[in-house]
Amino acid sequence: MCDCSDFVFLQEHWLLPNELDKLNSTHVDFYGVGYSAVELTNDILVGRPYGGTGILYRKCLAHYIRTVDTYDPRITAISFESKIGLILMICVYMPTDYGSHDSYEQYADTCAKIVALYEDFEAVNVVLCGDFNCRPGSRFYSLYTDLIFNLNLVESDASRLTDSFTYCNDSGTVTSWIDHFLCSKKIDQLIDNVDILYNYISSDHKPLLLLLSDVGVSGTLTLTCDEQVASVETFLTDWKHCDDISLRHYRYVLDNELSRIDVTKELLDLQCSHVLHVLTN
């Protein structure tokens, strides 16, 4: 997916807070930013381990990218200095409707945060995309349409595609269109193509592809929105439960591997100079 995109917007990447650096190693040509939905303040993990949002962007565009702090795992945002001016790009994973008052309030609160993010930022143009977890007739739909109205956006995919879906359950019996690209009118006018990648196998959501012309620093831009799991295998060691034999073996292996590192004379001289400088001050 990265091979055919300039930006990739991810929802439900499954990463823990200490694993977010994995977004930078997803593809050799991409950097990544994002938020985890898991709390690590206590010994027990708190939060939905399958949540979180992130944005991947090409390294060649890094000079034109600035991370926008949201402090919310449901919202990741960056700014992009394009040929048409500053663009605020927002990736969202909206709350699911569990039929409760709390879930409704969470959805309304996330919408309010997105509006506040736009109002506090200097960008005029916006690309807002992700999993909005609602469809026409659903309980959240009025909040969703209010969000579009408040930001003066266009449903760029729905205005170009018909009889489509982005979600399909595992048995293939239920489908819905709950993932969208919402764009400012100026950006919407520059869209060359919108497509849903049905042949792409990732999760129960199908990726959305958006092709923009005359926007990027070198012309065309390709944006992909996908709900998928980052391919990360991580083992966390609980050192409190390690016995003395395991700890000694670990120290032996660590010492052995560190001894294989070739430290140059120049680096040693630089380090010694730094130590002497600290001691004399």
Protein backbone atom coordinates (compact mmCIF):
# COMPACT_ATOMS: atom_id res chain seq x y z
CA MET A 1 0.00 0.00 0.00
CA CYS A 2 2.86 2.38 0.77
CA ASP A 3 4.33 1.68 -2.66
CA CYS A 4 1.38 3.39 -4.35
CA SER A 5 0.74 6.16 -1.78
CA ASP A 6 2.26 9.38 -0.48
CA PHE A 7 0.18 9.40 2.72
CA VAL A 8 -1.36 6.42 4.53
CA PHE A 9 -3.94 7.02 7.28
CA LEU A 10 -4.24 4.16 9.77
CA GLN A 11 -6.88 3.25 12.31
CA GLU A 12 -6.65 0.41 14.84
CA HIS A 13 -2.92 -0.16 14.48
CA TRP A 14 -2.82 -2.21 17.74
CA LEU A 15 0.42 -0.59 18.95
CA LEU A 16 1.31 0.07 22.59
CA PRO A 17 2.72 3.51 23.50
CA ASN A 18 6.26 2.09 23.60
CA GLU A 19 5.78 0.57 20.15
CA LEU A 20 4.80 3.70 18.21
CA ASP A 21 8.33 3.95 16.80
CA LYS A 22 7.38 0.90 14.70
CA LEU A 23 5.44 3.31 12.49
CA ASN A 24 8.81 4.62 11.30
CA SER A 25 9.91 1.15 10.21
CA THR A 26 6.72 0.08 8.41
CA HIS A 27 8.26 1.03 5.05
CA VAL A 28 11.78 2.12 4.14
CA ASP A 29 10.48 5.27 2.39
CA PHE A 30 8.05 6.40 5.09
CA TYR A 31 8.02 8.13 8.45
CA GLY A 32 5.08 7.75 10.81
CA VAL A 33 3.33 9.50 13.68
CA GLY A 34 0.47 8.29 15.83
CA TYR A 35 -1.20 7.67 19.17
CA SER A 36 -1.83 4.49 21.11
CA ALA A 37 -5.17 3.68 22.74
CA VAL A 38 -3.59 1.69 25.58
CA GLU A 39 -2.73 3.01 29.06
CA LEU A 40 0.54 1.78 30.58
CA THR A 41 0.41 3.73 33.84
CA ASN A 42 -0.33 0.58 35.85
CA ASP A 43 0.98 -2.98 35.68
CA ILE A 44 -2.27 -4.03 34.00
CA LEU A 45 -2.90 -2.78 30.46
CA VAL A 46 -5.91 -0.48 30.26
CA GLY A 47 -7.70 0.43 27.06
CA ARG A 48 -8.60 -1.14 23.76
CA PRO A 49 -5.42 -2.78 22.45
CA TYR A 50 -6.94 -2.78 18.97
CA GLY A 51 -7.40 1.00 18.85
CA GLY A 52 -5.07 3.85 18.00
CA THR A 53 -4.52 6.06 14.95
CA GLY A 54 -1.51 6.97 12.84
CA ILE A 55 -0.33 8.67 9.66
CA LEU A 56 2.50 7.51 7.42
CA TYR A 57 4.09 9.94 4.96
CA ARG A 58 6.92 9.75 2.46
CA LYS A 59 10.35 10.76 3.74
CA CYS A 60 10.85 13.01 0.72
CA LEU A 61 7.92 15.13 1.99
CA ALA A 62 9.24 15.43 5.56
CA HIS A 63 10.45 18.99 5.00
CA TYR A 64 6.84 20.03 4.31
CA ILE A 65 5.25 18.09 7.19
CA ARG A 66 4.62 19.22 10.76
CA THR A 67 3.06 17.07 13.47
CA VAL A 68 -0.03 18.56 15.13
CA ASP A 69 -0.54 17.53 18.76
CA THR A 70 -4.02 16.20 19.55
CA TYR A 71 -3.37 14.21 22.78
CA ASP A 72 -6.20 11.88 21.76
CA PRO A 73 -5.66 8.30 20.49
CA ARG A 74 -8.72 8.68 18.25
CA ILE A 75 -7.17 11.61 16.36
CA THR A 76 -3.80 11.93 14.65
CA ALA A 77 -3.06 15.07 12.65
CA ILE A 78 -0.30 16.63 10.57
CA SER A 79 0.02 19.79 8.51
CA PHE A 80 1.29 19.69 4.93
CA GLU A 81 2.70 22.73 3.12
CA SER A 82 1.35 22.08 -0.38
CA LYS A 83 1.19 23.98 -3.66
CA ILE A 84 -2.24 25.33 -2.67
CA GLY A 85 -1.19 26.33 0.84
CA LEU A 86 -1.25 24.68 4.24
CA ILE A 87 -3.44 21.55 4.51
CA LEU A 88 -4.53 20.08 7.83
CA MET A 89 -4.66 16.28 7.47
CA ILE A 90 -6.59 14.44 10.17
CA CYS A 91 -6.95 10.70 10.70
CA VAL A 92 -9.82 9.62 12.97
CA TYR A 93 -11.20 6.48 14.53
CA MET A 94 -14.62 7.48 15.82
CA PRO A 95 -16.33 5.73 18.76
CA THR A 96 -18.58 2.74 18.14
CA ASP A 97 -22.28 2.98 18.98
CA TYR A 98 -23.01 0.56 21.83
CA GLY A 99 -26.49 2.00 22.31
CA SER A 100 -25.45 3.77 25.49
CA HIS A 101 -25.49 7.42 26.48
CA ASP A 102 -21.73 7.28 27.11
CA SER A 103 -20.94 6.17 23.57
CA TYR A 104 -23.08 9.00 22.17
CA GLU A 105 -21.27 11.52 24.38
CA GLN A 106 -17.90 10.11 23.33
CA TYR A 107 -18.81 10.54 19.67
CA ALA A 108 -19.99 14.12 20.23
CA ASP A 109 -16.84 14.88 22.23
CA THR A 110 -14.57 13.54 19.47
CA CYS A 111 -16.43 15.66 16.90
CA ALA A 112 -15.97 18.72 19.11
CA LYS A 113 -12.23 18.04 19.42
CA ILE A 114 -11.89 17.84 15.63
CA VAL A 115 -13.72 21.16 15.17
CA ALA A 116 -11.57 22.80 17.87
CA LEU A 117 -8.42 21.41 16.23
CA TYR A 118 -9.38 23.05 12.94
CA GLU A 119 -10.40 26.35 14.53
CA ASP A 120 -7.12 26.58 16.46
CA PHE A 121 -5.03 25.86 13.37
CA GLU A 122 -4.01 28.28 10.63
CA ALA A 123 -4.87 25.96 7.72
CA VAL A 124 -7.87 26.73 5.50
CA ASN A 125 -7.98 23.38 3.71
CA VAL A 126 -8.67 20.08 5.44
CA VAL A 127 -8.52 16.38 4.63
CA LEU A 128 -10.40 14.44 7.31
CA CYS A 129 -10.53 10.69 6.86
CA GLY A 130 -10.92 7.46 8.75
CA ASP A 131 -13.49 5.17 10.32
CA PHE A 132 -16.55 7.28 11.25
CA ASN A 133 -18.55 4.31 12.58
CA CYS A 134 -21.90 5.61 11.35
CA ARG A 135 -24.13 5.48 8.28
CA PRO A 136 -27.37 7.18 7.19
CA GLY A 137 -30.15 6.42 9.67
CA SER A 138 -27.82 5.48 12.51
CA ARG A 139 -27.87 7.22 15.88
CA PHE A 140 -24.59 9.05 15.25
CA TYR A 141 -25.42 10.23 11.75
CA SER A 142 -26.68 13.68 12.76
CA LEU A 143 -23.42 14.28 14.67
CA TYR A 144 -21.50 13.18 11.60
CA THR A 145 -23.37 15.54 9.25
CA ASP A 146 -23.00 18.39 11.75
CA LEU A 147 -19.24 17.79 11.70
CA ILE A 148 -19.21 18.04 7.91
CA PHE A 149 -21.27 21.24 8.04
CA ASN A 150 -19.18 22.88 10.78
CA LEU A 151 -15.95 22.30 8.87
CA ASN A 152 -17.53 23.10 5.48
CA LEU A 153 -16.39 19.78 4.04
CA VAL A 154 -17.52 17.51 1.21
CA GLU A 155 -18.00 13.73 1.28
CA SER A 156 -15.52 13.28 -1.51
CA ASP A 157 -15.96 9.53 -1.86
CA ALA A 158 -19.74 9.34 -1.54
CA SER A 159 -20.16 12.03 -4.20
CA ARG A 160 -18.20 9.92 -6.69
CA LEU A 161 -19.02 6.32 -5.82
CA THR A 162 -22.36 4.50 -5.60
CA ASP A 163 -23.51 1.15 -4.20
CA SER A 164 -20.24 0.77 -2.33
CA PHE A 165 -19.11 -0.46 1.07
CA THR A 166 -15.93 -0.23 3.15
CA TYR A 167 -16.83 -2.65 5.95
CA CYS A 168 -17.69 -6.34 5.63
CA ASN A 169 -18.01 -8.76 8.53
CA ASP A 170 -16.04 -12.02 8.57
CA SER A 171 -18.94 -14.08 7.24
CA GLY A 172 -19.63 -11.61 4.43
CA THR A 173 -23.27 -11.17 5.45
CA VAL A 174 -23.13 -7.55 6.65
CA THR A 175 -21.67 -4.60 4.77
CA SER A 176 -21.71 -0.84 5.38
CA TRP A 177 -20.01 2.33 4.22
CA ILE A 178 -18.51 3.88 7.33
CA ASP A 179 -15.03 4.93 6.16
CA HIS A 180 -14.77 8.24 4.33
CA PHE A 181 -12.60 10.99 2.90
CA LEU A 182 -14.03 14.39 3.87
CA CYS A 183 -12.29 17.28 2.10
CA SER A 184 -12.49 21.03 1.84
CA LYS A 185 -14.20 22.16 -1.36
CA LYS A 186 -10.97 23.45 -2.88
CA ILE A 187 -9.29 20.07 -2.37
CA ASP A 188 -12.37 18.21 -3.58
CA GLN A 189 -12.12 20.05 -6.90
CA LEU A 190 -8.59 18.70 -7.37
CA ILE A 191 -9.50 15.02 -6.92
CA ASP A 192 -8.66 12.86 -9.94
CA ASN A 193 -9.94 9.58 -8.59
CA VAL A 194 -11.49 7.88 -5.56
CA ASP A 195 -11.53 4.12 -5.23
CA ILE A 196 -12.23 1.39 -2.70
CA LEU A 197 -9.62 -1.36 -2.84
CA TYR A 198 -11.80 -4.45 -2.54
CA ASN A 199 -9.01 -6.80 -3.61
CA TYR A 200 -6.75 -5.64 -0.78
CA ILE A 201 -6.75 -8.09 2.15
CA SER A 202 -6.11 -6.35 5.48
CA SER A 203 -8.97 -6.47 7.97
CA ASP A 204 -12.76 -6.26 7.90
CA HIS A 205 -12.39 -2.75 6.43
CA LYS A 206 -11.40 -2.05 2.85
CA PRO A 207 -8.87 0.71 2.12
CA LEU A 208 -9.98 3.95 0.47
CA LEU A 209 -7.72 5.52 -2.16
CA LEU A 210 -7.77 9.22 -3.06
CA LEU A 211 -5.75 10.73 -5.91
CA LEU A 212 -5.13 14.49 -5.93
CA SER A 213 -3.61 16.54 -8.75
CA ASP A 214 -1.72 19.86 -8.54
CA VAL A 215 -1.47 19.64 -4.74
CA GLY A 216 1.85 18.03 -3.89
CA VAL A 217 5.19 19.78 -4.03
CA SER A 218 5.87 17.88 -7.26
CA GLY A 219 2.31 17.55 -8.56
CA THR A 220 0.13 14.51 -7.87
CA LEU A 221 -0.55 13.12 -4.38
CA THR A 222 -2.01 9.74 -3.46
CA LEU A 223 -3.73 9.29 -0.08
CA THR A 224 -4.81 5.94 1.34
CA CYS A 225 -7.10 5.40 4.33
CA ASP A 226 -7.02 1.96 5.88
CA GLU A 227 -8.06 0.22 9.08
CA GLN A 228 -5.44 -2.40 9.67
CA VAL A 229 -3.14 -4.00 12.19
CA ALA A 230 0.50 -2.98 12.05
CA SER A 231 2.67 -6.02 11.46
CA VAL A 232 4.58 -5.95 14.71
CA GLU A 233 5.73 -8.84 16.86
CA THR A 234 6.90 -7.67 20.26
CA PHE A 235 7.76 -9.62 23.40
CA LEU A 236 7.81 -7.73 26.69
CA THR A 237 9.94 -9.26 29.44
CA ASP A 238 8.66 -9.12 33.01
CA TRP A 239 12.01 -8.81 34.81
CA LYS A 240 10.39 -9.22 38.23
CA HIS A 241 9.74 -12.88 37.49
CA CYS A 242 13.21 -13.74 36.12
CA ASP A 243 15.29 -16.11 38.23
CA ASP A 244 19.03 -15.64 38.91
CA ILE A 245 20.05 -18.19 36.28
CA SER A 246 18.08 -16.39 33.56
CA LEU A 247 19.50 -13.01 34.60
CA ARG A 248 23.09 -14.32 34.54
CA HIS A 249 22.50 -15.84 31.12
CA TYR A 250 21.08 -12.56 29.88
CA ARG A 251 24.11 -10.62 31.17
CA TYR A 252 26.45 -13.12 29.47
CA VAL A 253 24.68 -12.86 26.12
CA LEU A 254 24.45 -9.06 26.37
CA ASP A 255 28.15 -8.69 27.22
CA ASN A 256 29.07 -11.02 24.39
CA GLU A 257 27.01 -9.08 21.83
CA LEU A 258 28.25 -5.69 23.03
CA SER A 259 31.85 -6.88 22.71
CA ARG A 260 31.22 -7.42 18.98
CA ILE A 261 30.56 -3.72 18.40
CA ASP A 262 33.51 -2.03 16.70
CA VAL A 263 34.10 1.27 18.50
CA THR A 264 36.44 3.49 16.51
CA LYS A 265 39.33 5.42 18.05
CA GLU A 266 37.75 8.69 16.92
CA LEU A 267 34.58 7.92 18.84
CA LEU A 268 36.54 6.98 21.98
CA ASP A 269 38.59 10.18 21.77
CA LEU A 270 35.39 12.20 21.36
CA GLN A 271 33.80 10.49 24.37
CA CYS A 272 36.90 11.03 26.52
CA SER A 273 37.00 14.68 25.54
CA HIS A 274 33.36 15.02 26.58
CA VAL A 275 34.04 13.37 29.96
CA LEU A 276 37.04 15.62 30.62
CA HIS A 277 34.97 18.66 29.71
CA VAL A 278 32.26 17.63 32.18
CA LEU A 279 34.81 17.00 34.95
CA THR A 280 36.51 20.35 34.46
CA ASN A 281 33.17 22.15 34.59
